Amino acid sequence: MFLKTLLSAAAALTLGAAAFAQTNTVAITNGELHMTSADGDVVMDGTILIRGGRIVGVGQDLDVPDSAEVIDAGGMPVTPGFFVSMSAIGLNEIGAVREANDQGTDNMALSAALDARDGYNADSSVIDVTRAGGITRAYTTPSAGGTLFGGCGMVISMERGFDAIVEPCAAQVATLGESAAGQTGGSRQGAMATFRRALEDAIAYDDDPEAYAASGAENRLSVEDASALVPAAMGDQLMMISVHGASDIRRVLELVERYDLDVVLVGATEAWRVADELAEAEVPVLINPLANLPQSFERMGATLTAAQKLSDAGVTVAFYDAGIGYTHNARLLPQLAGNAVANGMDYAAAMRAVTLTPAEMFGLGRSLGTLERGKLADVVIWDGDPFEVTSRPSRVFIEGEEKSLENRQSRLEERYKDLSRGDKPFQYRNR
C-alpha cells in the first residue's frame, strides 16, 4: 500500500513537472528571427514567446513575463525547425543489413498497400542524429522497389517513440521514367499504360468494391493495393512521383490534369526545362540542388542552377538528397539549401524550401513552418548562418520542449576523445 501511494505521488510530481514545462513561458530574446511570415520575413533583435507548446508572441520589444525562462540568442539566427521532405528515417537503420533495412520489399504481390508504420523503428539512432542537425520533422517512406508504387509514408517528429508519428499515411510514393520502364517490359509506353491502369483499377474499386473483388481479372491491382491507392487516385491524398526527364514530367502533368491528382515531383532533374508548365499547373518539385551530373539519359539536363531557375519561374521547390543524405545524413539538409543559394537561389526562398514548403506539402502549413503566433513551437537557435557547413544548432525545441542534442555520434566522440592508455578499453570509458 505504501509503495503504491509512493508511486502515485511520484507520477503526480512527474505529470506536474511536465504540465509546468508546458505552461511556463520561454522567451528567446536577441535573436535574428527567420521565416516570421510565409513571405520569409526576418526580424532583427527579435523575441519569441513560447507557452503551452506554441508560439504566443513574435517581434521586437515584447513584454517578457517576470516568470519566463529567458534564453539570450546572442544575435544568432533563430529559425523554424527544418523539415526533411523525403527519407527512410526509422525504416533503414543499417542499409547493408537486410534485417535492419525495411525501406523496400521484394514482394511483388503488394505495393500501394505497404504502410511505413508497419516497419517503423521508433528507437532508431538516426532520429537523435537528425535532430542534432536542426531537423524537427521528416517524411519517411517505403520506396518503390520492383513495382510502380511503394506504399504510404508518414510524417514524424524527431523524437523517439510511436507518439512521434504526426501524420500517418501522409502520401503515396510512385515512380515513372526509366526506372518504371525497366519494371514494365522495358518501355515508357508500358510504364505509363500500367500506371494509368492502376489508377483506373483504384477508381473501379472505389465505385464498387464487391464487383472489383469478384472480377478476378488478370493484371489488375490486388484488392489490397486498389483499396490503398483510392485516396491518391481520387486526388484526396498526396502522391510523390519520382521522375526526372522533361518529357516524362510532361506525361505526369497530363496525368495530373486527366485525373485531378495532387502530385509532388521527386528528383525532377530536368524540371527547370518545363518550369513554366509546372508553375501553371501548380505542381511542386522536390530536388537535389547538388545534382549536376548526367547520370543517365533522363538526367542529361542536370544543372546546379535548377533550384534558382525553378524558383524564379514561380515553381514551389523543396530539397532532398536521394544518395548519401537520404536517411543517415538527412541532417545535412541545410547544406543543400546553402548550395542552392550559392548557385543563385534567393536566401528566403531556400529557407522556405526547408521549412514552410514541406509543411504545406503534407498539409501541416497551418501549424508548422514559420515563427508565427499560434504555430507549434518547433524552434532552432543556431551558432551561425544555418546554411554554412560550419554552423550547428545550439538549442532545439519541438513543440516548446527543449530537446537533447546528444546522439550516437557525439557519444562516440566523447568516448574516443582521450586516446591515452587506461585501465579500461575505450568502449567502457566515459560511462
Protein backbone atom coordinates (compact mmCIF):
# COMPACT_ATOMS: atom_id res chain seq x y z
CA MET A 1 0.00 0.00 0.00
CA PHE A 2 2.83 2.37 0.92
CA LEU A 3 4.66 1.53 -2.32
CA LYS A 4 1.52 2.16 -4.37
CA THR A 5 1.00 5.52 -2.65
CA LEU A 6 4.66 6.43 -3.23
CA LEU A 7 4.43 5.54 -6.92
CA SER A 8 1.24 7.56 -7.29
CA ALA A 9 2.91 10.56 -5.67
CA ALA A 10 5.95 10.23 -7.94
CA ALA A 11 3.72 10.03 -11.01
CA ALA A 12 1.82 13.10 -9.90
CA LEU A 13 5.08 15.01 -9.46
CA THR A 14 6.24 13.94 -12.92
CA LEU A 15 2.98 14.99 -14.52
CA GLY A 16 3.06 18.22 -12.59
CA ALA A 17 6.57 18.97 -13.81
CA ALA A 18 5.55 18.20 -17.40
CA ALA A 19 2.48 20.42 -17.10
CA PHE A 20 4.61 23.24 -15.65
CA ALA A 21 7.06 22.88 -18.54
CA GLN A 22 4.18 23.21 -20.99
CA THR A 23 2.51 26.19 -19.28
CA ASN A 24 5.59 28.14 -18.20
CA THR A 25 6.71 30.79 -20.67
CA VAL A 26 10.04 30.52 -22.51
CA ALA A 27 11.36 33.74 -24.03
CA ILE A 28 14.05 33.58 -26.69
CA THR A 29 15.45 37.11 -26.90
CA ASN A 30 18.00 38.99 -29.00
CA GLY A 31 17.57 36.70 -31.99
CA GLU A 32 17.80 37.11 -35.75
CA LEU A 33 14.39 35.62 -36.47
CA HIS A 34 13.91 33.97 -39.87
CA MET A 35 10.60 32.97 -41.50
CA THR A 36 8.42 35.08 -39.23
CA SER A 37 5.85 35.01 -42.05
CA ALA A 38 5.04 32.99 -45.15
CA ASP A 39 6.92 35.67 -47.12
CA GLY A 40 10.15 34.79 -45.31
CA ASP A 41 10.44 37.99 -43.31
CA VAL A 42 13.43 38.44 -40.98
CA VAL A 43 13.16 40.28 -37.65
CA MET A 44 16.40 41.57 -36.14
CA ASP A 45 16.85 41.73 -32.37
CA GLY A 46 13.61 39.81 -32.07
CA THR A 47 11.90 37.90 -29.28
CA ILE A 48 9.84 34.70 -29.38
CA LEU A 49 7.49 33.82 -26.54
CA ILE A 50 6.62 30.13 -26.15
CA ARG A 51 3.92 28.72 -23.91
CA GLY A 52 1.90 25.50 -23.95
CA GLY A 53 3.90 24.13 -26.87
CA ARG A 54 3.04 27.01 -29.16
CA ILE A 55 4.43 30.39 -30.15
CA VAL A 56 2.40 33.07 -28.35
CA GLY A 57 4.39 36.12 -29.38
CA VAL A 58 6.93 37.20 -32.02
CA GLY A 59 8.53 40.56 -32.66
CA GLN A 60 10.61 43.34 -31.18
CA ASP A 61 10.19 44.95 -27.76
CA LEU A 62 7.77 42.32 -26.47
CA ASP A 63 6.82 42.29 -22.81
CA VAL A 64 8.52 39.27 -21.25
CA PRO A 65 6.77 37.89 -18.15
CA ASP A 66 8.86 38.03 -14.97
CA SER A 67 8.35 34.28 -14.51
CA ALA A 68 9.60 33.40 -18.00
CA GLU A 69 12.72 31.37 -18.67
CA VAL A 70 14.82 33.76 -20.74
CA ILE A 71 17.23 32.44 -23.38
CA ASP A 72 19.51 35.03 -24.95
CA ALA A 73 20.17 34.04 -28.57
CA GLY A 74 23.13 36.43 -28.67
CA GLY A 75 22.14 37.88 -32.02
CA MET A 76 22.38 34.46 -33.68
CA PRO A 77 19.88 33.14 -36.26
CA VAL A 78 16.67 31.57 -34.96
CA THR A 79 14.60 29.55 -37.42
CA PRO A 80 11.64 27.20 -37.52
CA GLY A 81 12.68 23.56 -37.19
CA PHE A 82 13.81 22.22 -40.54
CA PHE A 83 11.65 19.64 -42.32
CA VAL A 84 13.12 16.72 -44.32
CA SER A 85 10.80 16.22 -47.30
CA MET A 86 11.72 12.58 -48.04
CA SER A 87 13.74 9.95 -46.19
CA ALA A 88 13.69 6.45 -44.72
CA ILE A 89 14.36 7.56 -41.13
CA GLY A 90 13.20 4.80 -38.81
CA LEU A 91 12.93 2.34 -41.71
CA ASN A 92 16.60 1.96 -42.54
CA GLU A 93 18.93 1.58 -39.56
CA ILE A 94 21.79 -0.26 -41.30
CA GLY A 95 21.48 -0.22 -45.07
CA ALA A 96 23.72 -3.21 -45.71
CA VAL A 97 21.95 -5.45 -43.18
CA ARG A 98 18.68 -6.78 -44.55
CA GLU A 99 17.19 -7.36 -41.09
CA ALA A 100 17.74 -3.70 -40.21
CA ASN A 101 16.51 -2.24 -43.51
CA ASP A 102 12.76 -2.01 -44.11
CA GLN A 103 12.97 0.70 -46.73
CA GLY A 104 11.86 -1.56 -49.58
CA THR A 105 10.49 -5.02 -50.29
CA ASP A 106 10.98 -7.72 -52.89
CA ASN A 107 7.34 -8.77 -52.50
CA MET A 108 5.85 -8.07 -55.94
CA ALA A 109 2.36 -9.08 -54.80
CA LEU A 110 1.77 -5.87 -52.84
CA SER A 111 2.87 -2.30 -53.47
CA ALA A 112 0.48 0.59 -52.74
CA ALA A 113 -0.82 -1.27 -49.67
CA LEU A 114 2.54 -1.08 -47.88
CA ASP A 115 2.50 1.22 -44.84
CA ALA A 116 5.58 2.82 -43.27
CA ARG A 117 4.07 2.40 -39.80
CA ASP A 118 4.44 -1.37 -40.03
CA GLY A 119 8.22 -1.18 -40.37
CA TYR A 120 8.94 1.89 -38.27
CA ASN A 121 11.69 1.63 -35.66
CA ALA A 122 10.67 4.20 -33.07
CA ASP A 123 14.03 3.85 -31.29
CA SER A 124 16.22 4.45 -34.33
CA SER A 125 19.54 6.13 -33.52
CA VAL A 126 19.12 8.15 -36.73
CA ILE A 127 16.39 10.20 -35.04
CA ASP A 128 18.79 11.69 -32.48
CA VAL A 129 21.48 12.40 -35.07
CA THR A 130 19.00 14.11 -37.37
CA ARG A 131 17.53 16.25 -34.58
CA ALA A 132 21.02 17.43 -33.65
CA GLY A 133 21.24 18.88 -37.16
CA GLY A 134 18.28 21.19 -36.58
CA ILE A 135 15.67 18.89 -38.15
CA THR A 136 12.43 18.62 -36.18
CA ARG A 137 10.12 16.90 -38.71
CA ALA A 138 10.54 14.45 -41.58
CA TYR A 139 8.56 12.48 -44.12
CA THR A 140 9.69 8.85 -44.03
CA THR A 141 8.51 6.36 -46.60
CA PRO A 142 8.99 2.95 -48.20
CA SER A 143 10.46 3.08 -51.67
CA ALA A 144 9.00 1.79 -54.91
CA GLY A 145 11.23 -1.23 -55.42
CA GLY A 146 10.23 -3.61 -58.20
CA THR A 147 6.81 -2.03 -58.69
CA LEU A 148 5.44 1.37 -59.69
CA PHE A 149 4.08 2.10 -56.21
CA GLY A 150 6.00 1.97 -52.95
CA GLY A 151 3.24 2.44 -50.41
CA CYS A 152 2.27 5.02 -47.85
CA GLY A 153 4.80 7.18 -46.00
CA MET A 154 4.25 9.24 -42.86
CA VAL A 155 5.35 12.49 -41.23
CA ILE A 156 7.27 12.05 -37.97
CA SER A 157 8.64 14.31 -35.28
CA MET A 158 12.33 13.91 -34.44
CA GLU A 159 11.63 12.19 -31.14
CA ARG A 160 11.78 8.55 -30.16
CA GLY A 161 8.55 6.64 -29.59
CA PHE A 162 5.42 5.95 -31.62
CA ASP A 163 3.85 9.18 -30.34
CA ALA A 164 6.23 10.90 -32.76
CA ILE A 165 4.09 9.81 -35.73
CA VAL A 166 2.46 13.11 -36.69
CA GLU A 167 0.62 12.23 -39.90
CA PRO A 168 0.22 8.52 -40.72
CA CYS A 169 -0.21 7.64 -44.38
CA ALA A 170 0.52 11.21 -45.47
CA ALA A 171 1.42 10.40 -49.09
CA GLN A 172 1.66 7.55 -51.58
CA VAL A 173 5.00 7.10 -53.37
CA ALA A 174 5.36 6.07 -57.01
CA THR A 175 7.90 6.04 -59.82
CA LEU A 176 7.88 6.70 -63.57
CA GLY A 177 10.55 7.32 -66.22
CA GLU A 178 13.49 4.99 -66.82
CA SER A 179 13.07 3.10 -63.56
CA ALA A 180 9.40 2.37 -64.22
CA ALA A 181 10.13 1.38 -67.81
CA GLY A 182 12.54 -1.28 -66.57
CA GLN A 183 9.80 -2.76 -64.39
CA THR A 184 7.10 -2.88 -67.07
CA GLY A 185 8.70 -4.55 -70.06
CA GLY A 186 11.41 -2.05 -70.91
CA SER A 187 9.48 0.90 -72.35
CA ARG A 188 7.94 4.12 -71.13
CA GLN A 189 4.78 3.27 -73.05
CA GLY A 190 4.42 0.17 -70.89
CA ALA A 191 5.09 2.13 -67.72
CA MET A 192 2.54 4.85 -68.48
CA ALA A 193 -0.12 2.36 -69.57
CA THR A 194 0.44 0.31 -66.41
CA PHE A 195 0.27 3.44 -64.27
CA ARG A 196 -2.98 4.62 -65.86
CA ARG A 197 -4.46 1.13 -65.47
CA ALA A 198 -3.57 1.17 -61.77
CA LEU A 199 -5.38 4.49 -61.33
CA GLU A 200 -8.41 3.10 -63.19
CA ASP A 201 -8.33 -0.02 -61.01
CA ALA A 202 -8.41 2.11 -57.86
CA ILE A 203 -11.30 4.17 -59.23
CA ALA A 204 -13.18 0.98 -60.17
CA TYR A 205 -12.62 -0.42 -56.70
CA ASP A 206 -13.91 2.77 -55.12
CA ASP A 207 -17.01 2.64 -57.33
CA ASP A 208 -17.91 -0.97 -56.43
CA PRO A 209 -15.52 -2.88 -54.12
CA GLU A 210 -17.50 -6.13 -54.25
CA ALA A 211 -17.67 -6.21 -58.03
CA TYR A 212 -13.96 -5.44 -58.27
CA ALA A 213 -13.08 -8.23 -55.84
CA ALA A 214 -15.29 -10.69 -57.73
CA SER A 215 -13.95 -9.78 -61.18
CA GLY A 216 -10.81 -11.87 -60.90
CA ALA A 217 -9.36 -10.13 -63.97
CA GLU A 218 -5.66 -10.73 -64.60
CA ASN A 219 -3.11 -7.93 -64.42
CA ARG A 220 -5.30 -5.84 -62.15
CA LEU A 221 -4.18 -4.48 -58.81
CA SER A 222 -4.86 -6.71 -55.85
CA VAL A 223 -7.82 -5.73 -53.70
CA GLU A 224 -5.38 -4.52 -51.03
CA ASP A 225 -3.42 -2.31 -53.43
CA ALA A 226 -6.51 -0.98 -55.19
CA SER A 227 -8.07 -0.05 -51.85
CA ALA A 228 -4.88 1.65 -50.63
CA LEU A 229 -4.47 3.60 -53.88
CA VAL A 230 -8.02 5.01 -53.87
CA PRO A 231 -7.27 8.24 -51.92
CA ALA A 232 -4.36 9.19 -54.19
CA ALA A 233 -6.20 8.18 -57.40
CA MET A 234 -9.16 10.33 -56.37
CA GLY A 235 -6.92 13.33 -55.65
CA ASP A 236 -7.60 13.20 -51.92
CA GLN A 237 -4.08 12.13 -50.95
CA LEU A 238 -0.68 13.44 -52.00
CA MET A 239 1.26 11.31 -54.49
CA MET A 240 5.06 11.64 -54.59
CA ILE A 241 6.12 10.59 -58.10
CA SER A 242 9.81 10.03 -58.82
CA VAL A 243 10.56 11.23 -62.33
CA HIS A 244 13.50 13.05 -63.96
CA GLY A 245 13.29 13.70 -67.70
CA ALA A 246 11.43 16.71 -69.14
CA SER A 247 9.35 14.52 -71.47
CA ASP A 248 8.36 12.21 -68.60
CA ILE A 249 7.44 15.22 -66.47
CA ARG A 250 5.09 16.40 -69.23
CA ARG A 251 3.40 12.97 -69.20
CA VAL A 252 2.90 13.30 -65.44
CA LEU A 253 1.33 16.73 -65.91
CA GLU A 254 -1.11 15.12 -68.34
CA LEU A 255 -1.99 12.58 -65.64
CA VAL A 256 -2.49 15.38 -63.13
CA GLU A 257 -4.93 17.13 -65.46
CA ARG A 258 -6.78 13.97 -66.51
CA TYR A 259 -7.26 12.50 -63.02
CA ASP A 260 -7.06 15.69 -60.94
CA LEU A 261 -4.17 14.27 -58.91
CA ASP A 262 -2.37 16.00 -56.04
CA VAL A 263 1.26 15.45 -57.02
CA VAL A 264 4.79 16.37 -55.98
CA LEU A 265 7.57 15.52 -58.43
CA VAL A 266 10.57 13.85 -56.77
CA GLY A 267 14.03 14.05 -58.32
CA ALA A 268 12.82 16.17 -61.23
CA THR A 269 16.33 16.74 -62.59
CA GLU A 270 15.10 18.36 -65.81
CA ALA A 271 12.12 20.12 -64.25
CA TRP A 272 13.73 23.50 -64.91
CA ARG A 273 13.22 22.84 -68.64
CA VAL A 274 9.44 22.80 -68.14
CA ALA A 275 9.34 25.30 -65.27
CA ASP A 276 6.59 27.47 -66.77
CA GLU A 277 4.32 24.44 -67.25
CA LEU A 278 4.93 23.31 -63.67
CA ALA A 279 4.20 26.77 -62.31
CA GLU A 280 0.96 26.98 -64.28
CA ALA A 281 -0.11 23.52 -63.06
CA GLU A 282 0.94 24.41 -59.50
CA VAL A 283 2.88 21.17 -59.15
CA PRO A 284 5.72 21.36 -56.57
CA VAL A 285 9.10 19.69 -57.07
CA LEU A 286 11.48 18.01 -54.66
CA ILE A 287 15.02 18.27 -56.00
CA ASN A 288 18.64 17.78 -55.03
CA PRO A 289 20.40 21.15 -55.58
CA LEU A 290 23.72 19.30 -55.88
CA ALA A 291 22.62 17.13 -58.82
CA ASN A 292 24.79 18.38 -61.67
CA LEU A 293 25.98 15.21 -63.43
CA PRO A 294 24.18 13.44 -66.31
CA GLN A 295 23.98 10.09 -64.51
CA SER A 296 21.52 8.75 -67.09
CA PHE A 297 19.83 9.80 -70.33
CA GLU A 298 16.85 11.19 -68.43
CA ARG A 299 19.19 13.42 -66.42
CA MET A 300 21.18 14.95 -69.25
CA GLY A 301 19.92 18.39 -68.27
CA ALA A 302 21.28 18.28 -64.72
CA THR A 303 22.49 21.68 -63.50
CA LEU A 304 23.41 23.37 -60.23
CA THR A 305 21.18 26.30 -61.16
CA ALA A 306 17.99 24.20 -61.28
CA ALA A 307 16.70 25.44 -57.91
CA GLN A 308 17.18 29.07 -58.88
CA LYS A 309 15.54 28.64 -62.29
CA LEU A 310 12.54 26.81 -60.87
CA SER A 311 12.05 29.25 -58.01
CA ASP A 312 12.36 32.29 -60.27
CA ALA A 313 9.69 30.77 -62.54
CA GLY A 314 7.28 30.50 -59.62
CA VAL A 315 7.57 26.76 -59.03
CA THR A 316 7.27 25.58 -55.43
CA VAL A 317 10.60 23.96 -54.52
CA ALA A 318 11.79 21.76 -51.66
CA PHE A 319 15.03 19.80 -51.21
CA TYR A 320 16.15 16.25 -50.61
CA ASP A 321 19.12 14.02 -51.38
CA ALA A 322 18.42 10.55 -52.80
CA GLY A 323 22.01 9.49 -52.11
CA ILE A 324 24.15 9.75 -49.01
CA GLY A 325 21.88 12.39 -47.47
CA TYR A 326 18.63 10.43 -47.83
CA THR A 327 18.45 8.94 -44.34
CA HIS A 328 21.59 8.71 -42.22
CA ASN A 329 22.79 12.13 -43.33
CA ALA A 330 19.38 13.79 -43.63
CA ARG A 331 20.76 16.26 -41.07
CA LEU A 332 22.77 17.79 -43.95
CA LEU A 333 19.62 19.34 -45.38
CA PRO A 334 20.86 22.88 -44.54
CA GLN A 335 23.88 22.27 -46.78
CA LEU A 336 21.59 21.51 -49.71
CA ALA A 337 19.85 24.84 -49.15
CA GLY A 338 23.19 26.61 -48.84
CA ASN A 339 24.36 25.25 -52.17
CA ALA A 340 21.11 26.33 -53.80
CA VAL A 341 21.74 29.87 -52.52
CA ALA A 342 25.36 29.72 -53.70
CA ASN A 343 24.06 28.94 -57.19
CA GLY A 344 21.61 31.81 -57.41
CA MET A 345 18.51 30.92 -55.39
CA ASP A 346 17.09 33.64 -53.17
CA TYR A 347 18.01 33.08 -49.50
CA ALA A 348 14.44 33.45 -48.24
CA ALA A 349 13.20 31.04 -50.92
CA ALA A 350 15.80 28.48 -49.84
CA MET A 351 14.78 28.92 -46.19
CA ARG A 352 11.16 28.39 -47.18
CA ALA A 353 12.18 25.22 -49.07
CA VAL A 354 13.38 23.56 -45.85
CA THR A 355 10.65 24.87 -43.52
CA LEU A 356 7.25 26.03 -44.73
CA THR A 357 7.13 24.35 -48.14
CA PRO A 358 7.47 20.77 -46.84
CA ALA A 359 4.92 21.53 -44.11
CA GLU A 360 2.47 22.78 -46.71
CA MET A 361 3.11 19.79 -48.97
CA PHE A 362 1.89 17.45 -46.25
CA GLY A 363 -0.99 19.63 -45.12
CA LEU A 364 0.73 20.92 -41.99
CA GLY A 365 1.35 24.51 -43.04
CA ARG A 366 -1.12 25.92 -40.53
CA SER A 367 0.80 24.53 -37.58
CA LEU A 368 4.44 24.35 -38.76
CA GLY A 369 6.99 26.05 -40.99
CA THR A 370 7.15 29.64 -39.72
CA LEU A 371 7.78 31.52 -36.49
CA GLU A 372 4.26 32.91 -36.34
CA ARG A 373 1.98 33.31 -33.36
CA GLY A 374 -0.24 30.29 -32.81
CA LYS A 375 2.03 27.79 -34.54
CA LEU A 376 3.70 24.85 -32.85
CA ALA A 377 6.98 25.93 -31.29
CA ASP A 378 9.46 23.96 -33.39
CA VAL A 379 12.35 26.40 -32.99
CA VAL A 380 16.11 26.15 -33.56
CA ILE A 381 18.81 28.54 -32.34
CA TRP A 382 21.98 28.37 -34.44
CA ASP A 383 25.56 29.38 -33.72
CA GLY A 384 25.93 30.90 -37.20
CA ASP A 385 24.29 31.06 -40.61
CA PRO A 386 22.24 27.81 -40.82
CA PHE A 387 23.29 27.29 -44.43
CA GLU A 388 27.04 27.38 -43.68
CA VAL A 389 28.73 24.00 -43.22
CA THR A 390 30.48 25.17 -40.06
CA SER A 391 27.25 26.19 -38.29
CA ARG A 392 25.45 23.99 -35.78
CA PRO A 393 22.26 24.22 -33.73
CA SER A 394 22.92 25.31 -30.17
CA ARG A 395 19.37 24.62 -28.93
CA VAL A 396 16.43 22.75 -30.46
CA PHE A 397 12.79 22.93 -29.35
CA ILE A 398 10.00 20.64 -30.52
CA GLU A 399 6.53 21.86 -29.60
CA GLY A 400 8.06 24.12 -26.99
CA GLU A 401 10.15 21.47 -25.23
CA GLU A 402 13.92 21.74 -25.45
CA LYS A 403 15.44 18.53 -26.76
CA SER A 404 18.83 16.99 -26.13
CA LEU A 405 21.44 17.30 -28.86
CA GLU A 406 23.26 14.22 -27.62
CA ASN A 407 23.37 11.38 -30.10
CA ARG A 408 25.35 8.31 -31.03
CA GLN A 409 27.95 10.34 -32.88
CA SER A 410 28.52 12.78 -30.04
CA ARG A 411 28.85 9.90 -27.56
CA LEU A 412 31.41 8.20 -29.79
CA GLU A 413 33.31 11.50 -29.98
CA GLU A 414 33.45 11.68 -26.19
CA ARG A 415 34.47 8.04 -25.87
CA TYR A 416 37.47 8.33 -28.16
CA LYS A 417 38.49 11.91 -27.41
CA ASP A 418 41.14 10.67 -24.98
CA LEU A 419 43.34 8.11 -26.74
CA SER A 420 45.80 7.68 -23.88
CA ARG A 421 46.23 4.24 -22.32
CA GLY A 422 43.97 3.47 -19.43
CA ASP A 423 42.70 0.73 -17.17
CA LYS A 424 39.59 0.15 -19.31
CA PRO A 425 39.12 -0.41 -23.04
CA PHE A 426 37.83 2.64 -24.92
CA GLN A 427 34.30 1.31 -25.22
CA TYR A 428 33.94 1.28 -21.41
CA ARG A 429 35.24 4.77 -20.74
CA ASN A 430 33.16 7.89 -20.08
CA ARG A 431 30.26 5.89 -18.69
